[in-house]
Amino acid sequence: MSKGPKRRRVEVVVISDVHLGTYGCHAAELLRYLRSVRPKVLVLNGDIVDIWQFSKNYWPPAHMRLVRHLVGLMAKGTRVHYLTGNHDELLRRFAGTRLGALSVANKLVLELPHGKTWLFHGDVFDVTMRHARWLARLGAHGYDALILLNRLVNFLLAKAGRPRVALSKAVKDRVKGAVSLIGDFEQTAATIAADAGYRYVACGHIHQPALKSINTPRGEVGYLNSGDWVENLTALEYTANQGWQLYHYALDPAMQLPPPPEPDAPDDSDDALLAGLLAEFNLSR
């Protein structure tokens, strides 16, 4: 039996804003990426399951395969930290819970050779979240509808031999860019991190992948953002040799090869796992 491709060994992988349960989620691509690495620590930095828009009528097999893979990683010894975000804020009532290799928290500090890294989702700095939660929820539903419209537009463009467009990404970048500017998201995160003595701060939430240095009154801080798995398909990786690196799925040559076939239909164990998730979220099938 032939062995699969060798997995890259990394100390830490950080992903955020997967939005499982929505049309824009690239679960198959994320699963393929996670199968290509062997992390000691995996940080799920918020908005992994989109409970705001969770529907019992939309849960594709690829989404379940991703959940099963995450469970499998924990069974094989990977420590998984689930940090809550705004779209999965219902899980904040479980903050402090530890179950085997899984822990649920609102924030996390990692002691790493390159310096202490403070990780949290980042919605606390979003002005729309702090002052108009209903507006943020409305925007999320409208954005999901835009994803569907974008798919239709690209289908028609492909038929006409025209290049694809990214309507959803353009709108998201404009809206989230304005929020970041108004709330001074990056500078605020870096300043608070420096005040607390952290060398790095890692967030998600604004769907803007980043790896940069930011000057603060207390010195320079490394600002990291894991981006998302809706448009950018990015993650953060840490190794002792290279420190923090920003991973782009689209720039990984291994990910551009044809993917191996996957079964389309979930089995009985998948159905039972989904039923358990729905019960945990107080939803019914």
C-alpha atoms as a PDB file:
ATOM      1  CA  MET A   1       0.000   0.000   0.000  1.00  0.00           C
ATOM      2  CA  SER A   2       1.449   3.379  -1.005  1.00  0.00           C
ATOM      3  CA  LYS A   3       1.898   5.986   1.647  1.00  0.00           C
ATOM      4  CA  GLY A   4       0.385   9.447   1.377  1.00  0.00           C
ATOM      5  CA  PRO A   5       2.502  12.587   0.987  1.00  0.00           C
ATOM      6  CA  LYS A   6       4.786  13.412   3.881  1.00  0.00           C
ATOM      7  CA  ARG A   7       3.279  15.902   6.289  1.00  0.00           C
ATOM      8  CA  ARG A   8       5.145  19.043   7.279  1.00  0.00           C
ATOM      9  CA  ARG A   9       5.941  19.156  10.980  1.00  0.00           C
ATOM     10  CA  VAL A  10       5.013  22.442  12.662  1.00  0.00           C
ATOM     11  CA  GLU A  11       4.811  23.371  16.316  1.00  0.00           C
ATOM     12  CA  VAL A  12       1.676  25.530  16.057  1.00  0.00           C
ATOM     13  CA  VAL A  13      -1.038  26.082  13.459  1.00  0.00           C
ATOM     14  CA  VAL A  14      -3.630  28.843  13.885  1.00  0.00           C
ATOM     15  CA  ILE A  15      -6.801  28.987  11.789  1.00  0.00           C
ATOM     16  CA  SER A  16      -9.839  31.176  12.225  1.00  0.00           C
ATOM     17  CA  ASP A  17     -13.053  32.263  10.522  1.00  0.00           C
ATOM     18  CA  VAL A  18     -13.860  28.938   8.885  1.00  0.00           C
ATOM     19  CA  HIS A  19     -17.623  29.561   9.152  1.00  0.00           C
ATOM     20  CA  LEU A  20     -18.677  25.928   8.964  1.00  0.00           C
ATOM     21  CA  GLY A  21     -22.339  25.664   8.067  1.00  0.00           C
ATOM     22  CA  THR A  22     -22.304  28.528   5.534  1.00  0.00           C
ATOM     23  CA  TYR A  23     -22.138  28.530   1.737  1.00  0.00           C
ATOM     24  CA  GLY A  24     -18.865  30.436   1.673  1.00  0.00           C
ATOM     25  CA  CYS A  25     -16.900  27.945   3.772  1.00  0.00           C
ATOM     26  CA  HIS A  26     -14.026  26.180   1.986  1.00  0.00           C
ATOM     27  CA  ALA A  27     -14.059  23.108   4.223  1.00  0.00           C
ATOM     28  CA  ALA A  28     -12.589  20.775   1.579  1.00  0.00           C
ATOM     29  CA  GLU A  29      -9.601  23.050   1.043  1.00  0.00           C
ATOM     30  CA  LEU A  30      -9.024  23.474   4.764  1.00  0.00           C
ATOM     31  CA  LEU A  31      -9.192  19.710   5.282  1.00  0.00           C
ATOM     32  CA  ARG A  32      -6.648  19.216   2.525  1.00  0.00           C
ATOM     33  CA  TYR A  33      -4.330  21.739   4.157  1.00  0.00           C
ATOM     34  CA  LEU A  34      -4.672  20.165   7.604  1.00  0.00           C
ATOM     35  CA  ARG A  35      -3.864  16.774   6.120  1.00  0.00           C
ATOM     36  CA  SER A  36      -0.602  18.250   4.800  1.00  0.00           C
ATOM     37  CA  VAL A  37       0.734  19.301   8.210  1.00  0.00           C
ATOM     38  CA  ARG A  38       1.418  17.647  11.549  1.00  0.00           C
ATOM     39  CA  PRO A  39       0.989  20.288  14.265  1.00  0.00           C
ATOM     40  CA  LYS A  40       1.753  19.760  17.911  1.00  0.00           C
ATOM     41  CA  VAL A  41      -0.722  22.505  18.783  1.00  0.00           C
ATOM     42  CA  LEU A  42      -3.751  23.613  16.751  1.00  0.00           C
ATOM     43  CA  VAL A  43      -5.472  26.871  17.680  1.00  0.00           C
ATOM     44  CA  LEU A  44      -8.997  27.361  16.351  1.00  0.00           C
ATOM     45  CA  ASN A  45      -9.191  31.112  16.807  1.00  0.00           C
ATOM     46  CA  GLY A  46     -12.915  31.792  16.607  1.00  0.00           C
ATOM     47  CA  ASP A  47     -15.796  31.607  14.128  1.00  0.00           C
ATOM     48  CA  ILE A  48     -15.044  27.981  13.292  1.00  0.00           C
ATOM     49  CA  VAL A  49     -18.708  26.938  13.380  1.00  0.00           C
ATOM     50  CA  ASP A  50     -21.020  29.765  12.314  1.00  0.00           C
ATOM     51  CA  ILE A  51     -23.760  29.382  14.900  1.00  0.00           C
ATOM     52  CA  TRP A  52     -25.317  32.707  13.854  1.00  0.00           C
ATOM     53  CA  GLN A  53     -26.224  31.227  10.462  1.00  0.00           C
ATOM     54  CA  PHE A  54     -26.290  27.541  11.363  1.00  0.00           C
ATOM     55  CA  SER A  55     -29.020  25.696   9.472  1.00  0.00           C
ATOM     56  CA  LYS A  56     -30.031  22.082   9.824  1.00  0.00           C
ATOM     57  CA  ASN A  57     -30.676  22.114   6.072  1.00  0.00           C
ATOM     58  CA  TYR A  58     -27.093  22.951   5.085  1.00  0.00           C
ATOM     59  CA  TRP A  59     -24.279  20.771   6.399  1.00  0.00           C
ATOM     60  CA  PRO A  60     -22.355  19.253   3.439  1.00  0.00           C
ATOM     61  CA  PRO A  61     -20.282  16.079   3.750  1.00  0.00           C
ATOM     62  CA  ALA A  62     -17.066  18.133   3.430  1.00  0.00           C
ATOM     63  CA  HIS A  63     -17.989  20.046   6.598  1.00  0.00           C
ATOM     64  CA  MET A  64     -18.493  16.805   8.500  1.00  0.00           C
ATOM     65  CA  ARG A  65     -15.242  15.358   7.194  1.00  0.00           C
ATOM     66  CA  LEU A  66     -13.439  18.407   8.565  1.00  0.00           C
ATOM     67  CA  VAL A  67     -15.046  17.958  11.992  1.00  0.00           C
ATOM     68  CA  ARG A  68     -14.088  14.297  12.005  1.00  0.00           C
ATOM     69  CA  HIS A  69     -10.507  15.171  11.077  1.00  0.00           C
ATOM     70  CA  LEU A  70     -10.255  17.625  13.966  1.00  0.00           C
ATOM     71  CA  VAL A  71     -11.499  14.936  16.332  1.00  0.00           C
ATOM     72  CA  GLY A  72      -8.940  12.559  14.840  1.00  0.00           C
ATOM     73  CA  LEU A  73      -6.114  15.044  15.445  1.00  0.00           C
ATOM     74  CA  MET A  74      -7.012  15.191  19.129  1.00  0.00           C
ATOM     75  CA  ALA A  75      -7.084  11.402  19.312  1.00  0.00           C
ATOM     76  CA  LYS A  76      -3.556  11.324  17.851  1.00  0.00           C
ATOM     77  CA  GLY A  77      -2.164  13.720  20.446  1.00  0.00           C
ATOM     78  CA  THR A  78      -2.493  17.191  18.901  1.00  0.00           C
ATOM     79  CA  ARG A  79      -3.493  19.733  21.538  1.00  0.00           C
ATOM     80  CA  VAL A  80      -6.453  21.710  20.234  1.00  0.00           C
ATOM     81  CA  HIS A  81      -7.398  25.089  21.697  1.00  0.00           C
ATOM     82  CA  TYR A  82     -10.815  26.362  20.649  1.00  0.00           C
ATOM     83  CA  LEU A  83     -10.927  30.138  21.199  1.00  0.00           C
ATOM     84  CA  THR A  84     -14.401  31.576  20.895  1.00  0.00           C
ATOM     85  CA  GLY A  85     -15.415  34.260  18.408  1.00  0.00           C
ATOM     86  CA  ASN A  86     -18.546  36.265  17.761  1.00  0.00           C
ATOM     87  CA  HIS A  87     -20.184  33.832  15.313  1.00  0.00           C
ATOM     88  CA  ASP A  88     -19.660  30.987  17.799  1.00  0.00           C
ATOM     89  CA  GLU A  89     -20.134  33.092  20.936  1.00  0.00           C
ATOM     90  CA  LEU A  90     -22.581  30.506  22.287  1.00  0.00           C
ATOM     91  CA  LEU A  91     -19.520  28.439  23.182  1.00  0.00           C
ATOM     92  CA  ARG A  92     -18.267  31.141  25.532  1.00  0.00           C
ATOM     93  CA  ARG A  93     -20.318  29.583  28.301  1.00  0.00           C
ATOM     94  CA  PHE A  94     -17.958  26.593  28.028  1.00  0.00           C
ATOM     95  CA  ALA A  95     -14.789  28.703  28.443  1.00  0.00           C
ATOM     96  CA  GLY A  96     -12.427  26.923  30.823  1.00  0.00           C
ATOM     97  CA  THR A  97     -13.621  23.472  29.774  1.00  0.00           C
ATOM     98  CA  ARG A  98     -10.971  20.811  29.184  1.00  0.00           C
ATOM     99  CA  LEU A  99     -11.750  17.465  27.635  1.00  0.00           C
ATOM    100  CA  GLY A 100      -8.715  15.354  26.848  1.00  0.00           C
ATOM    101  CA  ALA A 101      -6.628  17.205  24.255  1.00  0.00           C
ATOM    102  CA  LEU A 102      -9.351  19.843  23.730  1.00  0.00           C
ATOM    103  CA  SER A 103      -9.665  23.075  25.678  1.00  0.00           C
ATOM    104  CA  VAL A 104     -12.184  25.890  25.203  1.00  0.00           C
ATOM    105  CA  ALA A 105     -11.235  29.451  26.135  1.00  0.00           C
ATOM    106  CA  ASN A 106     -11.706  33.066  25.144  1.00  0.00           C
ATOM    107  CA  LYS A 107      -7.981  33.783  24.908  1.00  0.00           C
ATOM    108  CA  LEU A 108      -4.680  31.949  25.065  1.00  0.00           C
ATOM    109  CA  VAL A 109      -1.020  32.705  25.761  1.00  0.00           C
ATOM    110  CA  LEU A 110       1.647  30.481  24.216  1.00  0.00           C
ATOM    111  CA  GLU A 111       5.185  30.484  25.608  1.00  0.00           C
ATOM    112  CA  LEU A 112       7.321  30.133  22.494  1.00  0.00           C
ATOM    113  CA  PRO A 113      11.082  30.458  21.875  1.00  0.00           C
ATOM    114  CA  HIS A 114      10.532  33.611  19.804  1.00  0.00           C
ATOM    115  CA  GLY A 115       8.442  35.220  22.538  1.00  0.00           C
ATOM    116  CA  LYS A 116       5.091  35.092  24.310  1.00  0.00           C
ATOM    117  CA  THR A 117       2.163  35.097  21.905  1.00  0.00           C
ATOM    118  CA  TRP A 118      -1.285  36.292  22.952  1.00  0.00           C
ATOM    119  CA  LEU A 119      -4.125  34.821  20.901  1.00  0.00           C
ATOM    120  CA  PHE A 120      -7.804  35.809  20.824  1.00  0.00           C
ATOM    121  CA  HIS A 121     -10.429  36.227  18.116  1.00  0.00           C
ATOM    122  CA  GLY A 122     -10.541  40.032  18.100  1.00  0.00           C
ATOM    123  CA  ASP A 123     -14.253  40.867  17.944  1.00  0.00           C
ATOM    124  CA  VAL A 124     -13.855  42.798  21.209  1.00  0.00           C
ATOM    125  CA  PHE A 125     -12.190  45.568  19.155  1.00  0.00           C
ATOM    126  CA  ASP A 126     -14.880  45.658  16.453  1.00  0.00           C
ATOM    127  CA  VAL A 127     -17.054  48.746  16.827  1.00  0.00           C
ATOM    128  CA  THR A 128     -20.008  47.071  15.108  1.00  0.00           C
ATOM    129  CA  MET A 129     -19.834  44.220  17.598  1.00  0.00           C
ATOM    130  CA  ARG A 130     -19.557  46.496  20.628  1.00  0.00           C
ATOM    131  CA  HIS A 131     -22.194  49.036  19.659  1.00  0.00           C
ATOM    132  CA  ALA A 132     -24.496  47.405  17.074  1.00  0.00           C
ATOM    133  CA  ARG A 133     -24.565  43.630  17.422  1.00  0.00           C
ATOM    134  CA  TRP A 134     -27.825  43.422  15.470  1.00  0.00           C
ATOM    135  CA  LEU A 135     -26.148  45.207  12.545  1.00  0.00           C
ATOM    136  CA  ALA A 136     -23.268  42.744  12.585  1.00  0.00           C
ATOM    137  CA  ARG A 137     -25.706  39.820  12.494  1.00  0.00           C
ATOM    138  CA  LEU A 138     -27.654  41.390   9.631  1.00  0.00           C
ATOM    139  CA  GLY A 139     -24.443  41.947   7.719  1.00  0.00           C
ATOM    140  CA  ALA A 140     -23.427  38.315   8.198  1.00  0.00           C
ATOM    141  CA  HIS A 141     -26.648  37.037   6.628  1.00  0.00           C
ATOM    142  CA  GLY A 142     -26.363  39.504   3.757  1.00  0.00           C
ATOM    143  CA  TYR A 143     -22.771  38.437   3.176  1.00  0.00           C
ATOM    144  CA  ASP A 144     -23.779  34.789   2.919  1.00  0.00           C
ATOM    145  CA  ALA A 145     -26.358  35.741   0.288  1.00  0.00           C
ATOM    146  CA  LEU A 146     -23.647  37.645  -1.583  1.00  0.00           C
ATOM    147  CA  ILE A 147     -21.536  34.474  -1.647  1.00  0.00           C
ATOM    148  CA  LEU A 148     -24.354  32.688  -3.495  1.00  0.00           C
ATOM    149  CA  LEU A 149     -24.770  35.604  -5.909  1.00  0.00           C
ATOM    150  CA  ASN A 150     -21.021  35.606  -6.539  1.00  0.00           C
ATOM    151  CA  ARG A 151     -21.138  31.910  -7.436  1.00  0.00           C
ATOM    152  CA  LEU A 152     -23.924  32.535  -9.960  1.00  0.00           C
ATOM    153  CA  VAL A 153     -22.045  35.466 -11.501  1.00  0.00           C
ATOM    154  CA  ASN A 154     -18.849  33.420 -11.833  1.00  0.00           C
ATOM    155  CA  PHE A 155     -20.760  30.515 -13.380  1.00  0.00           C
ATOM    156  CA  LEU A 156     -22.151  32.838 -16.070  1.00  0.00           C
ATOM    157  CA  LEU A 157     -18.743  34.451 -16.610  1.00  0.00           C
ATOM    158  CA  ALA A 158     -17.148  31.033 -17.041  1.00  0.00           C
ATOM    159  CA  LYS A 159     -19.753  30.134 -19.681  1.00  0.00           C
ATOM    160  CA  ALA A 160     -18.875  33.362 -21.514  1.00  0.00           C
ATOM    161  CA  GLY A 161     -15.134  32.699 -21.243  1.00  0.00           C
ATOM    162  CA  ARG A 162     -14.590  35.653 -18.945  1.00  0.00           C
ATOM    163  CA  PRO A 163     -12.377  35.677 -15.808  1.00  0.00           C
ATOM    164  CA  ARG A 164     -13.856  35.159 -12.372  1.00  0.00           C
ATOM    165  CA  VAL A 165     -14.628  38.074 -10.080  1.00  0.00           C
ATOM    166  CA  ALA A 166     -14.619  38.218  -6.276  1.00  0.00           C
ATOM    167  CA  LEU A 167     -17.640  40.325  -5.383  1.00  0.00           C
ATOM    168  CA  SER A 168     -17.867  38.949  -1.869  1.00  0.00           C
ATOM    169  CA  LYS A 169     -14.195  39.591  -1.144  1.00  0.00           C
ATOM    170  CA  ALA A 170     -14.362  43.140  -2.505  1.00  0.00           C
ATOM    171  CA  VAL A 171     -17.361  43.984  -0.336  1.00  0.00           C
ATOM    172  CA  LYS A 172     -15.906  42.268   2.722  1.00  0.00           C
ATOM    173  CA  ASP A 173     -12.573  44.046   2.324  1.00  0.00           C
ATOM    174  CA  ARG A 174     -14.296  47.430   2.067  1.00  0.00           C
ATOM    175  CA  VAL A 175     -16.611  46.877   5.032  1.00  0.00           C
ATOM    176  CA  LYS A 176     -14.072  45.219   7.288  1.00  0.00           C
ATOM    177  CA  GLY A 177     -11.412  47.711   6.230  1.00  0.00           C
ATOM    178  CA  ALA A 178     -13.653  50.535   7.411  1.00  0.00           C
ATOM    179  CA  VAL A 179     -14.297  48.767  10.702  1.00  0.00           C
ATOM    180  CA  SER A 180     -10.576  48.209  11.159  1.00  0.00           C
ATOM    181  CA  LEU A 181      -9.857  51.876  10.440  1.00  0.00           C
ATOM    182  CA  ILE A 182     -12.584  53.210  12.752  1.00  0.00           C
ATOM    183  CA  GLY A 183     -11.772  50.840  15.586  1.00  0.00           C
ATOM    184  CA  ASP A 184      -8.004  51.055  15.016  1.00  0.00           C
ATOM    185  CA  PHE A 185      -8.070  47.293  15.321  1.00  0.00           C
ATOM    186  CA  GLU A 186      -4.456  46.392  14.688  1.00  0.00           C
ATOM    187  CA  GLN A 187      -2.918  49.237  16.664  1.00  0.00           C
ATOM    188  CA  THR A 188      -5.219  48.635  19.619  1.00  0.00           C
ATOM    189  CA  ALA A 189      -4.392  44.927  19.719  1.00  0.00           C
ATOM    190  CA  ALA A 190      -0.659  45.604  19.473  1.00  0.00           C
ATOM    191  CA  THR A 191      -0.695  48.325  22.127  1.00  0.00           C
ATOM    192  CA  ILE A 192      -2.570  46.191  24.645  1.00  0.00           C
ATOM    193  CA  ALA A 193      -0.267  43.253  23.910  1.00  0.00           C
ATOM    194  CA  ALA A 194       2.820  45.426  24.490  1.00  0.00           C
ATOM    195  CA  ASP A 195       1.380  46.768  27.742  1.00  0.00           C
ATOM    196  CA  ALA A 196       0.911  43.184  28.935  1.00  0.00           C
ATOM    197  CA  GLY A 197       4.463  42.211  27.971  1.00  0.00           C
ATOM    198  CA  TYR A 198       3.665  40.016  24.968  1.00  0.00           C
ATOM    199  CA  ARG A 199       5.968  39.818  21.955  1.00  0.00           C
ATOM    200  CA  TYR A 200       3.215  38.832  19.519  1.00  0.00           C
ATOM    201  CA  VAL A 201      -0.545  39.151  19.284  1.00  0.00           C
ATOM    202  CA  ALA A 202      -2.580  36.899  16.975  1.00  0.00           C
ATOM    203  CA  CYS A 203      -6.182  37.602  15.992  1.00  0.00           C
ATOM    204  CA  GLY A 204      -8.746  36.678  13.351  1.00  0.00           C
ATOM    205  CA  HIS A 205     -12.198  38.229  12.866  1.00  0.00           C
ATOM    206  CA  ILE A 206     -11.505  40.878  10.213  1.00  0.00           C
ATOM    207  CA  HIS A 207     -10.661  38.356   7.458  1.00  0.00           C
ATOM    208  CA  GLN A 208      -7.439  40.223   6.701  1.00  0.00           C
ATOM    209  CA  PRO A 209      -4.362  37.937   6.899  1.00  0.00           C
ATOM    210  CA  ALA A 210      -1.336  39.780   8.214  1.00  0.00           C
ATOM    211  CA  LEU A 211       2.132  39.360   9.620  1.00  0.00           C
ATOM    212  CA  LYS A 212       3.726  42.689  10.471  1.00  0.00           C
ATOM    213  CA  SER A 213       5.536  44.673  13.140  1.00  0.00           C
ATOM    214  CA  ILE A 214       3.680  47.526  14.839  1.00  0.00           C
ATOM    215  CA  ASN A 215       5.310  50.233  16.926  1.00  0.00           C
ATOM    216  CA  THR A 216       3.729  51.017  20.291  1.00  0.00           C
ATOM    217  CA  PRO A 217       4.740  53.315  23.159  1.00  0.00           C
ATOM    218  CA  ARG A 218       6.247  50.271  24.883  1.00  0.00           C
ATOM    219  CA  GLY A 219       8.117  48.974  21.865  1.00  0.00           C
ATOM    220  CA  GLU A 220       7.586  46.869  18.772  1.00  0.00           C
ATOM    221  CA  VAL A 221       5.007  44.076  18.717  1.00  0.00           C
ATOM    222  CA  GLY A 222       4.446  41.433  16.067  1.00  0.00           C
ATOM    223  CA  TYR A 223       0.846  41.613  14.859  1.00  0.00           C
ATOM    224  CA  LEU A 224      -0.518  38.398  13.331  1.00  0.00           C
ATOM    225  CA  ASN A 225      -3.870  37.678  11.725  1.00  0.00           C
ATOM    226  CA  SER A 226      -4.784  34.210  10.501  1.00  0.00           C
ATOM    227  CA  GLY A 227      -7.217  35.559   7.887  1.00  0.00           C
ATOM    228  CA  ASP A 228     -10.071  33.204   6.984  1.00  0.00           C
ATOM    229  CA  TRP A 229     -11.233  30.148   5.039  1.00  0.00           C
ATOM    230  CA  VAL A 230     -13.955  31.922   3.087  1.00  0.00           C
ATOM    231  CA  GLU A 231     -11.969  34.066   0.649  1.00  0.00           C
ATOM    232  CA  ASN A 232      -8.294  34.233   1.607  1.00  0.00           C
ATOM    233  CA  LEU A 233      -7.714  30.598   2.690  1.00  0.00           C
ATOM    234  CA  THR A 234      -4.851  31.411   5.040  1.00  0.00           C
ATOM    235  CA  ALA A 235      -3.379  30.219   8.323  1.00  0.00           C
ATOM    236  CA  LEU A 236      -0.561  31.009  10.713  1.00  0.00           C
ATOM    237  CA  GLU A 237       2.246  28.519  11.291  1.00  0.00           C
ATOM    238  CA  TYR A 238       4.992  28.526  13.904  1.00  0.00           C
ATOM    239  CA  THR A 239       8.247  26.574  13.947  1.00  0.00           C
ATOM    240  CA  ALA A 240      11.237  27.037  16.221  1.00  0.00           C
ATOM    241  CA  ASN A 241      13.508  27.560  13.196  1.00  0.00           C
ATOM    242  CA  GLN A 242      11.451  30.139  11.295  1.00  0.00           C
ATOM    243  CA  GLY A 243       9.169  31.642  13.896  1.00  0.00           C
ATOM    244  CA  TRP A 244       5.732  32.788  12.749  1.00  0.00           C
ATOM    245  CA  GLN A 245       4.877  32.429   9.056  1.00  0.00           C
ATOM    246  CA  LEU A 246       1.718  33.251   7.107  1.00  0.00           C
ATOM    247  CA  TYR A 247       0.437  30.332   5.023  1.00  0.00           C
ATOM    248  CA  HIS A 248      -1.501  30.918   1.777  1.00  0.00           C
ATOM    249  CA  TYR A 249      -3.336  27.937   0.319  1.00  0.00           C
ATOM    250  CA  ALA A 250      -3.243  29.487  -3.166  1.00  0.00           C
ATOM    251  CA  LEU A 251       0.559  29.789  -3.014  1.00  0.00           C
ATOM    252  CA  ASP A 252       1.188  26.197  -1.904  1.00  0.00           C
ATOM    253  CA  PRO A 253       2.217  24.146  -4.970  1.00  0.00           C
ATOM    254  CA  ALA A 254       1.100  20.915  -3.298  1.00  0.00           C
ATOM    255  CA  MET A 255      -2.433  22.260  -2.988  1.00  0.00           C
ATOM    256  CA  GLN A 256      -2.639  23.011  -6.714  1.00  0.00           C
ATOM    257  CA  LEU A 257      -2.460  19.331  -7.650  1.00  0.00           C
ATOM    258  CA  PRO A 258      -5.748  17.458  -8.192  1.00  0.00           C
ATOM    259  CA  PRO A 259      -7.195  16.432  -4.812  1.00  0.00           C
ATOM    260  CA  PRO A 260      -7.770  12.768  -3.999  1.00  0.00           C
ATOM    261  CA  PRO A 261     -11.396  11.601  -4.298  1.00  0.00           C
ATOM    262  CA  GLU A 262     -13.635  11.872  -1.254  1.00  0.00           C
ATOM    263  CA  PRO A 263     -16.878   9.987  -0.535  1.00  0.00           C
ATOM    264  CA  ASP A 264     -19.911  12.227  -0.980  1.00  0.00           C
ATOM    265  CA  ALA A 265     -22.337  10.559   1.394  1.00  0.00           C
ATOM    266  CA  PRO A 266     -21.932  10.691   5.176  1.00  0.00           C
ATOM    267  CA  ASP A 267     -22.120   7.387   7.026  1.00  0.00           C
ATOM    268  CA  ASP A 268     -24.187   6.605  10.112  1.00  0.00           C
ATOM    269  CA  SER A 269     -21.457   7.810  12.462  1.00  0.00           C
ATOM    270  CA  ASP A 270     -21.401  11.171  10.642  1.00  0.00           C
ATOM    271  CA  ASP A 271     -25.150  11.471  11.131  1.00  0.00           C
ATOM    272  CA  ALA A 272     -24.819  10.703  14.845  1.00  0.00           C
ATOM    273  CA  LEU A 273     -22.029  13.255  15.230  1.00  0.00           C
ATOM    274  CA  LEU A 274     -24.119  15.940  13.524  1.00  0.00           C
ATOM    275  CA  ALA A 275     -27.063  15.094  15.766  1.00  0.00           C
ATOM    276  CA  GLY A 276     -24.821  15.586  18.781  1.00  0.00           C
ATOM    277  CA  LEU A 277     -23.659  18.965  17.504  1.00  0.00           C
ATOM    278  CA  LEU A 278     -27.217  20.104  16.912  1.00  0.00           C
ATOM    279  CA  ALA A 279     -28.232  19.023  20.400  1.00  0.00           C
ATOM    280  CA  GLU A 280     -25.272  20.917  21.896  1.00  0.00           C
ATOM    281  CA  PHE A 281     -26.338  24.078  20.051  1.00  0.00           C
ATOM    282  CA  ASN A 282     -29.978  23.581  21.130  1.00  0.00           C
ATOM    283  CA  LEU A 283     -31.048  23.090  17.507  1.00  0.00           C
ATOM    284  CA  SER A 284     -33.335  20.436  16.090  1.00  0.00           C
ATOM    285  CA  ARG A 285     -33.031  18.535  12.821  1.00  0.00           C
END
